Amino acid sequence: MMYPPYQLVILSNNYFLWLGLKHALPFMINPAPTPQWFNLENDDSVFKLREKILNDNSESKWLIVTEHNRVEEVQQCLPPERACVFSDKLSLKMMSQQLKKPEFRRTLRREAPLTHAEIHVCLLIIMGYSPSDIANMLHKSPKTIYTHRRNAMTKFHCNSLAELHRKIRIMNNSSLHQ
């Protein structure tokens, strides 16, 4: 028995996208993966998917279809060597090509993942430490701490510190390091 080469996730609340892909997959690729539907509109669905991928011991690859405006955000949160994210705006021909030969490479990401320093600063911030306290603890300049925080906010597409707090709290501390 042949198994699909990857897991397929539709990360969208678009029912018609999910239904269309579900019925078109057997004609696009053989063996066809069974699509999973993550249809929540909030960031929790991305982080739940991240946890699912990281907790999957089979080391299988994951192909994620999401709304065009969320592709970069989703790419930033998922491990690039295991997840290939593409837009729901692809033509059927392009979608079929992606399904047949998805690319699981780090170079697909426009932005780098969080650095260890950014992760460390984020974790200390959500623990309640002020940037000046963090600077003293890490023996760095407060400007460096603000830079790490700003870079993390940019990479997570956050417009406010509260949004960064929420996204970091949702993520499991262990999954930040993987």
N, C-alpha and C. Protein backbone atom coordinates (compact mmCIF):
# COMPACT_ATOMS: atom_id res chain seq x y z
N MET A 1 0.84 -1.18 0.00
CA MET A 1 0.00 0.00 0.00
C MET A 1 0.88 1.25 0.00
N MET A 2 0.56 2.18 -0.85
CA MET A 2 1.33 3.43 -0.93
C MET A 2 0.70 4.47 -0.01
N TYR A 3 1.58 5.25 0.61
CA TYR A 3 1.12 6.31 1.50
C TYR A 3 1.40 7.66 0.87
N PRO A 4 0.59 8.66 1.18
CA PRO A 4 0.84 9.99 0.65
C PRO A 4 2.21 10.51 1.11
N PRO A 5 2.86 11.31 0.28
CA PRO A 5 4.20 11.78 0.62
C PRO A 5 4.25 12.84 1.72
N TYR A 6 3.10 13.35 2.11
CA TYR A 6 3.05 14.40 3.13
C TYR A 6 1.65 14.52 3.69
N GLN A 7 1.53 15.28 4.78
CA GLN A 7 0.23 15.62 5.36
C GLN A 7 -0.23 16.91 4.67
N LEU A 8 -1.51 17.05 4.44
CA LEU A 8 -2.04 18.27 3.83
C LEU A 8 -3.00 18.94 4.80
N VAL A 9 -2.77 20.24 5.03
CA VAL A 9 -3.61 21.02 5.94
C VAL A 9 -4.15 22.23 5.20
N ILE A 10 -5.44 22.44 5.30
CA ILE A 10 -6.05 23.67 4.80
C ILE A 10 -6.25 24.56 6.02
N LEU A 11 -5.44 25.61 6.11
CA LEU A 11 -5.47 26.53 7.24
C LEU A 11 -6.26 27.77 6.79
N SER A 12 -7.57 27.63 6.81
CA SER A 12 -8.44 28.68 6.29
C SER A 12 -9.86 28.43 6.78
N ASN A 13 -10.62 29.49 6.90
CA ASN A 13 -12.03 29.30 7.24
C ASN A 13 -12.90 29.25 5.99
N ASN A 14 -12.26 29.15 4.83
CA ASN A 14 -12.96 29.08 3.55
C ASN A 14 -13.42 27.64 3.29
N TYR A 15 -14.68 27.40 3.55
CA TYR A 15 -15.25 26.06 3.40
C TYR A 15 -15.13 25.56 1.96
N PHE A 16 -15.31 26.46 1.00
CA PHE A 16 -15.28 26.05 -0.40
C PHE A 16 -13.87 25.66 -0.85
N LEU A 17 -12.86 26.30 -0.29
CA LEU A 17 -11.48 25.91 -0.58
C LEU A 17 -11.25 24.49 -0.07
N TRP A 18 -11.64 24.23 1.17
CA TRP A 18 -11.46 22.90 1.75
C TRP A 18 -12.22 21.85 0.95
N LEU A 19 -13.47 22.12 0.64
CA LEU A 19 -14.30 21.16 -0.09
C LEU A 19 -13.76 20.91 -1.50
N GLY A 20 -13.36 22.00 -2.18
CA GLY A 20 -12.81 21.87 -3.53
C GLY A 20 -11.53 21.05 -3.54
N LEU A 21 -10.63 21.33 -2.61
CA LEU A 21 -9.38 20.56 -2.56
C LEU A 21 -9.64 19.10 -2.18
N LYS A 22 -10.55 18.91 -1.27
CA LYS A 22 -10.88 17.54 -0.84
C LYS A 22 -11.33 16.68 -2.03
N HIS A 23 -12.13 17.28 -2.90
CA HIS A 23 -12.64 16.52 -4.04
C HIS A 23 -11.68 16.49 -5.23
N ALA A 24 -10.80 17.50 -5.35
CA ALA A 24 -9.88 17.56 -6.48
C ALA A 24 -8.59 16.77 -6.25
N LEU A 25 -8.22 16.55 -4.99
CA LEU A 25 -6.95 15.90 -4.68
C LEU A 25 -6.74 14.55 -5.38
N PRO A 26 -7.72 13.67 -5.40
CA PRO A 26 -7.48 12.38 -6.06
C PRO A 26 -7.13 12.51 -7.55
N PHE A 27 -7.52 13.62 -8.17
CA PHE A 27 -7.21 13.83 -9.58
C PHE A 27 -5.88 14.55 -9.77
N MET A 28 -5.35 15.13 -8.70
CA MET A 28 -4.10 15.90 -8.79
C MET A 28 -2.87 15.08 -8.42
N ILE A 29 -3.01 14.17 -7.46
CA ILE A 29 -1.85 13.42 -6.98
C ILE A 29 -2.31 12.04 -6.51
N ASN A 30 -1.45 11.05 -6.73
CA ASN A 30 -1.77 9.70 -6.32
C ASN A 30 -0.55 9.12 -5.61
N PRO A 31 -0.66 8.63 -4.40
CA PRO A 31 -1.85 8.60 -3.55
C PRO A 31 -2.13 9.99 -2.97
N ALA A 32 -3.39 10.30 -2.87
CA ALA A 32 -3.80 11.62 -2.38
C ALA A 32 -3.85 11.64 -0.86
N PRO A 33 -3.27 12.69 -0.26
CA PRO A 33 -3.38 12.82 1.20
C PRO A 33 -4.79 13.23 1.59
N THR A 34 -5.19 12.88 2.78
CA THR A 34 -6.49 13.32 3.30
C THR A 34 -6.29 14.70 3.91
N PRO A 35 -6.99 15.70 3.39
CA PRO A 35 -6.77 17.05 3.93
C PRO A 35 -7.35 17.21 5.33
N GLN A 36 -6.61 17.92 6.16
CA GLN A 36 -7.08 18.28 7.49
C GLN A 36 -7.48 19.75 7.43
N TRP A 37 -8.53 20.11 8.12
CA TRP A 37 -9.05 21.47 8.04
C TRP A 37 -8.90 22.17 9.38
N PHE A 38 -8.06 23.19 9.43
CA PHE A 38 -7.92 24.07 10.59
C PHE A 38 -8.65 25.35 10.23
N ASN A 39 -9.86 25.52 10.73
CA ASN A 39 -10.70 26.61 10.25
C ASN A 39 -10.95 27.71 11.27
N LEU A 40 -10.08 27.87 12.24
CA LEU A 40 -10.23 28.97 13.19
C LEU A 40 -9.61 30.23 12.59
N GLU A 41 -10.20 31.39 12.88
CA GLU A 41 -9.70 32.63 12.29
C GLU A 41 -8.62 33.30 13.12
N ASN A 42 -8.24 32.74 14.24
CA ASN A 42 -7.27 33.42 15.10
C ASN A 42 -5.90 32.76 15.00
N ASP A 43 -4.94 33.35 15.70
CA ASP A 43 -3.56 32.85 15.66
C ASP A 43 -3.42 31.50 16.34
N ASP A 44 -4.37 31.13 17.19
CA ASP A 44 -4.28 29.85 17.89
C ASP A 44 -4.17 28.69 16.91
N SER A 45 -4.86 28.76 15.79
CA SER A 45 -4.83 27.66 14.84
C SER A 45 -3.43 27.45 14.27
N VAL A 46 -2.70 28.54 14.03
CA VAL A 46 -1.33 28.43 13.52
C VAL A 46 -0.44 27.78 14.57
N PHE A 47 -0.59 28.22 15.81
CA PHE A 47 0.27 27.68 16.86
C PHE A 47 -0.12 26.24 17.21
N LYS A 48 -1.39 25.90 17.12
CA LYS A 48 -1.80 24.51 17.33
C LYS A 48 -1.24 23.62 16.23
N LEU A 49 -1.24 24.13 15.00
CA LEU A 49 -0.66 23.38 13.89
C LEU A 49 0.84 23.20 14.11
N ARG A 50 1.51 24.24 14.58
CA ARG A 50 2.94 24.15 14.87
C ARG A 50 3.21 23.05 15.89
N GLU A 51 2.42 23.05 16.96
CA GLU A 51 2.58 22.02 17.99
C GLU A 51 2.35 20.63 17.41
N LYS A 52 1.35 20.50 16.57
CA LYS A 52 1.04 19.20 15.96
C LYS A 52 2.21 18.72 15.09
N ILE A 53 2.78 19.63 14.32
CA ILE A 53 3.92 19.27 13.47
C ILE A 53 5.12 18.88 14.32
N LEU A 54 5.42 19.67 15.34
CA LEU A 54 6.58 19.39 16.17
C LEU A 54 6.41 18.13 17.02
N ASN A 55 5.18 17.79 17.36
CA ASN A 55 4.93 16.59 18.16
C ASN A 55 4.76 15.34 17.31
N ASP A 56 4.77 15.49 16.00
CA ASP A 56 4.63 14.35 15.09
C ASP A 56 5.99 13.64 15.01
N ASN A 57 6.07 12.47 15.59
CA ASN A 57 7.33 11.73 15.64
C ASN A 57 7.68 11.03 14.34
N SER A 58 6.76 11.00 13.40
CA SER A 58 7.02 10.29 12.15
C SER A 58 7.92 11.08 11.21
N GLU A 59 8.22 12.34 11.57
CA GLU A 59 9.07 13.20 10.73
C GLU A 59 8.47 13.41 9.34
N SER A 60 7.17 13.26 9.21
CA SER A 60 6.55 13.47 7.91
C SER A 60 6.52 14.95 7.57
N LYS A 61 6.42 15.23 6.29
CA LYS A 61 6.36 16.60 5.80
C LYS A 61 4.91 17.06 5.81
N TRP A 62 4.73 18.38 5.86
CA TRP A 62 3.40 18.97 5.92
C TRP A 62 3.27 20.03 4.84
N LEU A 63 2.21 19.97 4.11
CA LEU A 63 1.90 20.97 3.09
C LEU A 63 0.70 21.75 3.58
N ILE A 64 0.84 23.07 3.66
CA ILE A 64 -0.21 23.91 4.23
C ILE A 64 -0.70 24.89 3.17
N VAL A 65 -2.01 24.93 2.97
CA VAL A 65 -2.63 25.90 2.07
C VAL A 65 -3.35 26.91 2.96
N THR A 66 -3.08 28.19 2.75
CA THR A 66 -3.71 29.22 3.57
C THR A 66 -4.03 30.44 2.72
N GLU A 67 -4.73 31.40 3.33
CA GLU A 67 -5.08 32.62 2.61
C GLU A 67 -3.81 33.35 2.17
N HIS A 68 -3.90 34.00 1.03
CA HIS A 68 -2.75 34.67 0.43
C HIS A 68 -2.11 35.67 1.39
N ASN A 69 -2.92 36.41 2.14
CA ASN A 69 -2.38 37.44 3.03
C ASN A 69 -1.76 36.87 4.31
N ARG A 70 -1.88 35.57 4.54
CA ARG A 70 -1.33 34.95 5.76
C ARG A 70 -0.11 34.07 5.49
N VAL A 71 0.28 33.93 4.24
CA VAL A 71 1.36 32.99 3.90
C VAL A 71 2.64 33.30 4.68
N GLU A 72 3.08 34.56 4.67
CA GLU A 72 4.34 34.90 5.35
C GLU A 72 4.25 34.67 6.85
N GLU A 73 3.13 35.04 7.45
CA GLU A 73 2.95 34.86 8.90
C GLU A 73 3.00 33.37 9.26
N VAL A 74 2.33 32.55 8.47
CA VAL A 74 2.30 31.11 8.74
C VAL A 74 3.68 30.50 8.53
N GLN A 75 4.38 30.93 7.46
CA GLN A 75 5.74 30.44 7.22
C GLN A 75 6.65 30.75 8.39
N GLN A 76 6.47 31.92 8.96
CA GLN A 76 7.33 32.34 10.07
C GLN A 76 7.16 31.44 11.29
N CYS A 77 5.97 30.94 11.50
CA CYS A 77 5.68 30.16 12.71
C CYS A 77 5.98 28.68 12.59
N LEU A 78 6.04 28.15 11.38
CA LEU A 78 6.19 26.71 11.20
C LEU A 78 7.63 26.35 10.86
N PRO A 79 8.07 25.14 11.24
CA PRO A 79 9.44 24.73 10.92
C PRO A 79 9.61 24.53 9.41
N PRO A 80 10.51 25.27 8.77
CA PRO A 80 10.61 25.27 7.31
C PRO A 80 11.06 23.95 6.70
N GLU A 81 11.81 23.15 7.45
CA GLU A 81 12.27 21.88 6.90
C GLU A 81 11.16 20.83 6.86
N ARG A 82 10.05 21.10 7.56
CA ARG A 82 8.95 20.13 7.61
C ARG A 82 7.66 20.67 7.04
N ALA A 83 7.57 21.98 6.81
CA ALA A 83 6.31 22.57 6.36
C ALA A 83 6.54 23.44 5.13
N CYS A 84 5.72 23.23 4.13
CA CYS A 84 5.72 24.04 2.92
C CYS A 84 4.38 24.76 2.88
N VAL A 85 4.42 26.09 2.87
CA VAL A 85 3.19 26.89 2.93
C VAL A 85 2.99 27.57 1.58
N PHE A 86 1.77 27.47 1.04
CA PHE A 86 1.49 28.23 -0.17
C PHE A 86 0.09 28.79 -0.17
N SER A 87 -0.12 29.71 -1.07
CA SER A 87 -1.33 30.53 -1.11
C SER A 87 -2.52 29.80 -1.72
N ASP A 88 -3.71 30.20 -1.27
CA ASP A 88 -4.94 29.67 -1.85
C ASP A 88 -5.25 30.31 -3.20
N LYS A 89 -4.47 31.30 -3.60
CA LYS A 89 -4.72 31.99 -4.86
C LYS A 89 -4.00 31.35 -6.05
N LEU A 90 -3.34 30.22 -5.84
CA LEU A 90 -2.68 29.54 -6.95
C LEU A 90 -3.70 28.99 -7.93
N SER A 91 -3.34 29.00 -9.20
CA SER A 91 -4.21 28.38 -10.20
C SER A 91 -4.22 26.87 -9.97
N LEU A 92 -5.18 26.18 -10.56
CA LEU A 92 -5.24 24.72 -10.39
C LEU A 92 -3.97 24.05 -10.92
N LYS A 93 -3.44 24.57 -12.03
CA LYS A 93 -2.23 24.00 -12.60
C LYS A 93 -1.05 24.17 -11.63
N MET A 94 -0.90 25.39 -11.09
CA MET A 94 0.18 25.65 -10.14
C MET A 94 -0.01 24.83 -8.86
N MET A 95 -1.26 24.73 -8.40
CA MET A 95 -1.55 23.95 -7.20
C MET A 95 -1.17 22.49 -7.43
N SER A 96 -1.51 21.96 -8.58
CA SER A 96 -1.17 20.58 -8.90
C SER A 96 0.35 20.38 -8.92
N GLN A 97 1.08 21.35 -9.48
CA GLN A 97 2.54 21.26 -9.50
C GLN A 97 3.10 21.30 -8.08
N GLN A 98 2.56 22.17 -7.25
CA GLN A 98 3.02 22.25 -5.86
C GLN A 98 2.75 20.95 -5.12
N LEU A 99 1.59 20.36 -5.37
CA LEU A 99 1.24 19.11 -4.70
C LEU A 99 2.15 17.96 -5.14
N LYS A 100 2.56 17.98 -6.41
CA LYS A 100 3.42 16.90 -6.92
C LYS A 100 4.86 17.06 -6.47
N LYS A 101 5.34 18.30 -6.41
CA LYS A 101 6.75 18.53 -6.04
C LYS A 101 6.86 19.72 -5.10
N PRO A 102 6.40 19.56 -3.86
CA PRO A 102 6.54 20.67 -2.91
C PRO A 102 8.01 20.84 -2.50
N GLU A 103 8.37 22.07 -2.18
CA GLU A 103 9.75 22.35 -1.79
C GLU A 103 9.81 22.67 -0.30
N PHE A 104 10.51 21.83 0.42
CA PHE A 104 10.67 22.01 1.86
C PHE A 104 12.10 22.52 2.10
N ARG A 105 12.27 23.81 1.88
CA ARG A 105 13.60 24.39 2.04
C ARG A 105 13.49 25.65 2.89
N ARG A 106 14.53 25.88 3.63
CA ARG A 106 14.56 27.08 4.47
C ARG A 106 14.56 28.34 3.61
N THR A 107 15.08 28.30 2.41
CA THR A 107 15.18 29.49 1.58
C THR A 107 13.82 30.00 1.11
N LEU A 108 12.77 29.23 1.29
CA LEU A 108 11.44 29.70 0.90
C LEU A 108 10.97 30.83 1.81
N ARG A 109 11.57 30.94 2.98
CA ARG A 109 11.13 31.96 3.93
C ARG A 109 11.84 33.27 3.62
N ARG A 110 11.10 34.33 3.58
CA ARG A 110 11.70 35.64 3.36
C ARG A 110 12.37 36.15 4.62
N GLU A 111 11.84 35.78 5.76
CA GLU A 111 12.36 36.26 7.03
C GLU A 111 13.03 35.12 7.77
N ALA A 112 14.03 35.48 8.54
CA ALA A 112 14.72 34.48 9.35
C ALA A 112 13.88 34.14 10.57
N PRO A 113 14.06 32.95 11.11
CA PRO A 113 13.35 32.63 12.36
C PRO A 113 13.94 33.45 13.50
N LEU A 114 13.29 33.42 14.64
CA LEU A 114 13.80 34.16 15.79
C LEU A 114 15.19 33.63 16.18
N THR A 115 16.08 34.56 16.50
CA THR A 115 17.40 34.16 16.98
C THR A 115 17.27 33.72 18.44
N HIS A 116 18.30 33.08 18.94
CA HIS A 116 18.27 32.65 20.35
C HIS A 116 18.16 33.85 21.28
N ALA A 117 18.84 34.94 20.94
CA ALA A 117 18.76 36.15 21.78
C ALA A 117 17.34 36.72 21.78
N GLU A 118 16.68 36.72 20.62
CA GLU A 118 15.31 37.22 20.54
C GLU A 118 14.36 36.33 21.34
N ILE A 119 14.56 35.03 21.25
CA ILE A 119 13.73 34.09 22.02
C ILE A 119 13.92 34.35 23.52
N HIS A 120 15.17 34.48 23.93
CA HIS A 120 15.49 34.70 25.34
C HIS A 120 14.83 35.98 25.84
N VAL A 121 14.97 37.06 25.08
CA VAL A 121 14.38 38.35 25.46
C VAL A 121 12.86 38.24 25.52
N CYS A 122 12.25 37.60 24.53
CA CYS A 122 10.78 37.45 24.52
C CYS A 122 10.29 36.69 25.75
N LEU A 123 10.98 35.61 26.08
CA LEU A 123 10.56 34.82 27.24
C LEU A 123 10.69 35.62 28.53
N LEU A 124 11.75 36.40 28.64
CA LEU A 124 11.92 37.22 29.84
C LEU A 124 10.88 38.34 29.90
N ILE A 125 10.53 38.89 28.75
CA ILE A 125 9.50 39.94 28.71
C ILE A 125 8.16 39.40 29.17
N ILE A 126 7.78 38.23 28.69
CA ILE A 126 6.47 37.71 29.09
C ILE A 126 6.48 37.20 30.53
N MET A 127 7.67 37.00 31.09
CA MET A 127 7.75 36.64 32.51
C MET A 127 7.60 37.87 33.40
N GLY A 128 7.57 39.05 32.77
CA GLY A 128 7.31 40.26 33.53
C GLY A 128 8.51 41.16 33.77
N TYR A 129 9.66 40.80 33.23
CA TYR A 129 10.84 41.64 33.42
C TYR A 129 10.80 42.84 32.48
N SER A 130 11.28 43.96 32.95
CA SER A 130 11.35 45.16 32.12
C SER A 130 12.60 45.08 31.24
N PRO A 131 12.61 45.83 30.13
CA PRO A 131 13.80 45.82 29.28
C PRO A 131 15.09 46.21 30.02
N SER A 132 14.99 47.14 30.96
CA SER A 132 16.21 47.52 31.70
C SER A 132 16.66 46.38 32.63
N ASP A 133 15.71 45.66 33.23
CA ASP A 133 16.07 44.49 34.06
C ASP A 133 16.72 43.40 33.21
N ILE A 134 16.15 43.18 32.03
CA ILE A 134 16.70 42.17 31.12
C ILE A 134 18.11 42.56 30.70
N ALA A 135 18.30 43.84 30.39
CA ALA A 135 19.63 44.33 30.00
C ALA A 135 20.64 44.07 31.11
N ASN A 136 20.25 44.33 32.35
CA ASN A 136 21.16 44.08 33.48
C ASN A 136 21.44 42.59 33.64
N MET A 137 20.40 41.77 33.48
CA MET A 137 20.56 40.31 33.65
C MET A 137 21.49 39.73 32.58
N LEU A 138 21.35 40.21 31.34
CA LEU A 138 22.11 39.66 30.23
C LEU A 138 23.40 40.43 29.95
N HIS A 139 23.65 41.46 30.75
CA HIS A 139 24.84 42.31 30.57
C HIS A 139 24.89 42.90 29.16
N LYS A 140 23.75 43.44 28.74
CA LYS A 140 23.65 44.08 27.43
C LYS A 140 23.06 45.46 27.60
N SER A 141 23.15 46.23 26.56
CA SER A 141 22.57 47.57 26.56
C SER A 141 21.04 47.47 26.45
N PRO A 142 20.31 48.37 27.12
CA PRO A 142 18.85 48.38 26.95
C PRO A 142 18.43 48.56 25.49
N LYS A 143 19.24 49.30 24.72
CA LYS A 143 18.93 49.48 23.29
C LYS A 143 18.98 48.14 22.55
N THR A 144 19.90 47.28 22.94
CA THR A 144 19.99 45.94 22.34
C THR A 144 18.73 45.14 22.65
N ILE A 145 18.26 45.25 23.88
CA ILE A 145 17.04 44.52 24.29
C ILE A 145 15.85 45.04 23.49
N TYR A 146 15.75 46.36 23.36
CA TYR A 146 14.66 46.94 22.56
C TYR A 146 14.74 46.48 21.10
N THR A 147 15.96 46.36 20.58
CA THR A 147 16.15 45.90 19.20
C THR A 147 15.69 44.45 19.06
N HIS A 148 16.07 43.59 20.01
CA HIS A 148 15.63 42.19 19.96
C HIS A 148 14.11 42.11 20.01
N ARG A 149 13.50 42.91 20.88
CA ARG A 149 12.04 42.91 21.00
C ARG A 149 11.40 43.39 19.70
N ARG A 150 11.93 44.46 19.13
CA ARG A 150 11.40 44.99 17.88
C ARG A 150 11.52 43.96 16.74
N ASN A 151 12.68 43.29 16.66
CA ASN A 151 12.87 42.27 15.63
C ASN A 151 11.88 41.12 15.79
N ALA A 152 11.66 40.70 17.02
CA ALA A 152 10.69 39.62 17.27
C ALA A 152 9.29 40.07 16.87
N MET A 153 8.94 41.32 17.19
CA MET A 153 7.62 41.83 16.82
C MET A 153 7.47 41.87 15.30
N THR A 154 8.52 42.25 14.61
CA THR A 154 8.49 42.29 13.14
C THR A 154 8.32 40.89 12.57
N LYS A 155 9.08 39.94 13.09
CA LYS A 155 9.02 38.57 12.58
C LYS A 155 7.69 37.90 12.86
N PHE A 156 7.04 38.28 13.96
CA PHE A 156 5.73 37.72 14.29
C PHE A 156 4.58 38.58 13.78
N HIS A 157 4.91 39.62 13.02
CA HIS A 157 3.90 40.51 12.44
C HIS A 157 3.00 41.09 13.53
N CYS A 158 3.60 41.58 14.60
CA CYS A 158 2.86 42.17 15.71
C CYS A 158 2.87 43.69 15.61
N ASN A 159 1.73 44.29 15.87
CA ASN A 159 1.64 45.75 15.87
C ASN A 159 1.73 46.33 17.26
N SER A 160 1.64 45.50 18.28
CA SER A 160 1.71 46.00 19.65
C SER A 160 2.43 44.97 20.53
N LEU A 161 2.89 45.46 21.66
CA LEU A 161 3.57 44.59 22.61
C LEU A 161 2.59 43.55 23.18
N ALA A 162 1.34 43.95 23.35
CA ALA A 162 0.32 43.02 23.85
C ALA A 162 0.13 41.86 22.87
N GLU A 163 0.17 42.16 21.58
CA GLU A 163 0.02 41.11 20.57
C GLU A 163 1.21 40.15 20.62
N LEU A 164 2.42 40.69 20.82
CA LEU A 164 3.60 39.85 20.96
C LEU A 164 3.48 38.95 22.19
N HIS A 165 3.04 39.53 23.32
CA HIS A 165 2.84 38.75 24.55
C HIS A 165 1.88 37.59 24.28
N ARG A 166 0.78 37.88 23.62
CA ARG A 166 -0.24 36.87 23.36
C ARG A 166 0.33 35.75 22.49
N LYS A 167 1.04 36.11 21.42
CA LYS A 167 1.57 35.09 20.52
C LYS A 167 2.64 34.24 21.19
N ILE A 168 3.49 34.87 21.98
CA ILE A 168 4.54 34.11 22.66
C ILE A 168 3.95 33.21 23.74
N ARG A 169 2.95 33.69 24.46
CA ARG A 169 2.31 32.87 25.50
C ARG A 169 1.61 31.65 24.89
N ILE A 170 1.03 31.82 23.70
CA ILE A 170 0.34 30.71 23.05
C ILE A 170 1.32 29.60 22.71
N MET A 171 2.49 30.02 22.27
CA MET A 171 3.49 29.02 21.88
C MET A 171 4.09 28.38 23.11
N ASN A 172 4.30 27.11 23.03
CA ASN A 172 4.95 26.38 24.11
C ASN A 172 6.42 26.78 24.13
N ASN A 173 6.98 27.04 25.30
CA ASN A 173 8.37 27.46 25.38
C ASN A 173 9.31 26.48 24.68
N SER A 174 9.03 25.20 24.79
CA SER A 174 9.90 24.22 24.15
C SER A 174 9.81 24.29 22.64
N SER A 175 8.65 24.66 22.11
CA SER A 175 8.51 24.71 20.66
C SER A 175 9.19 25.93 20.08
N LEU A 176 9.48 26.94 20.89
CA LEU A 176 10.20 28.11 20.39
C LEU A 176 11.62 27.74 19.99
N HIS A 177 12.18 26.77 20.66
CA HIS A 177 13.58 26.44 20.44
C HIS A 177 13.77 25.44 19.31
N GLN A 178 12.70 24.89 18.77
CA GLN A 178 12.85 23.87 17.73
C GLN A 178 12.71 24.47 16.36
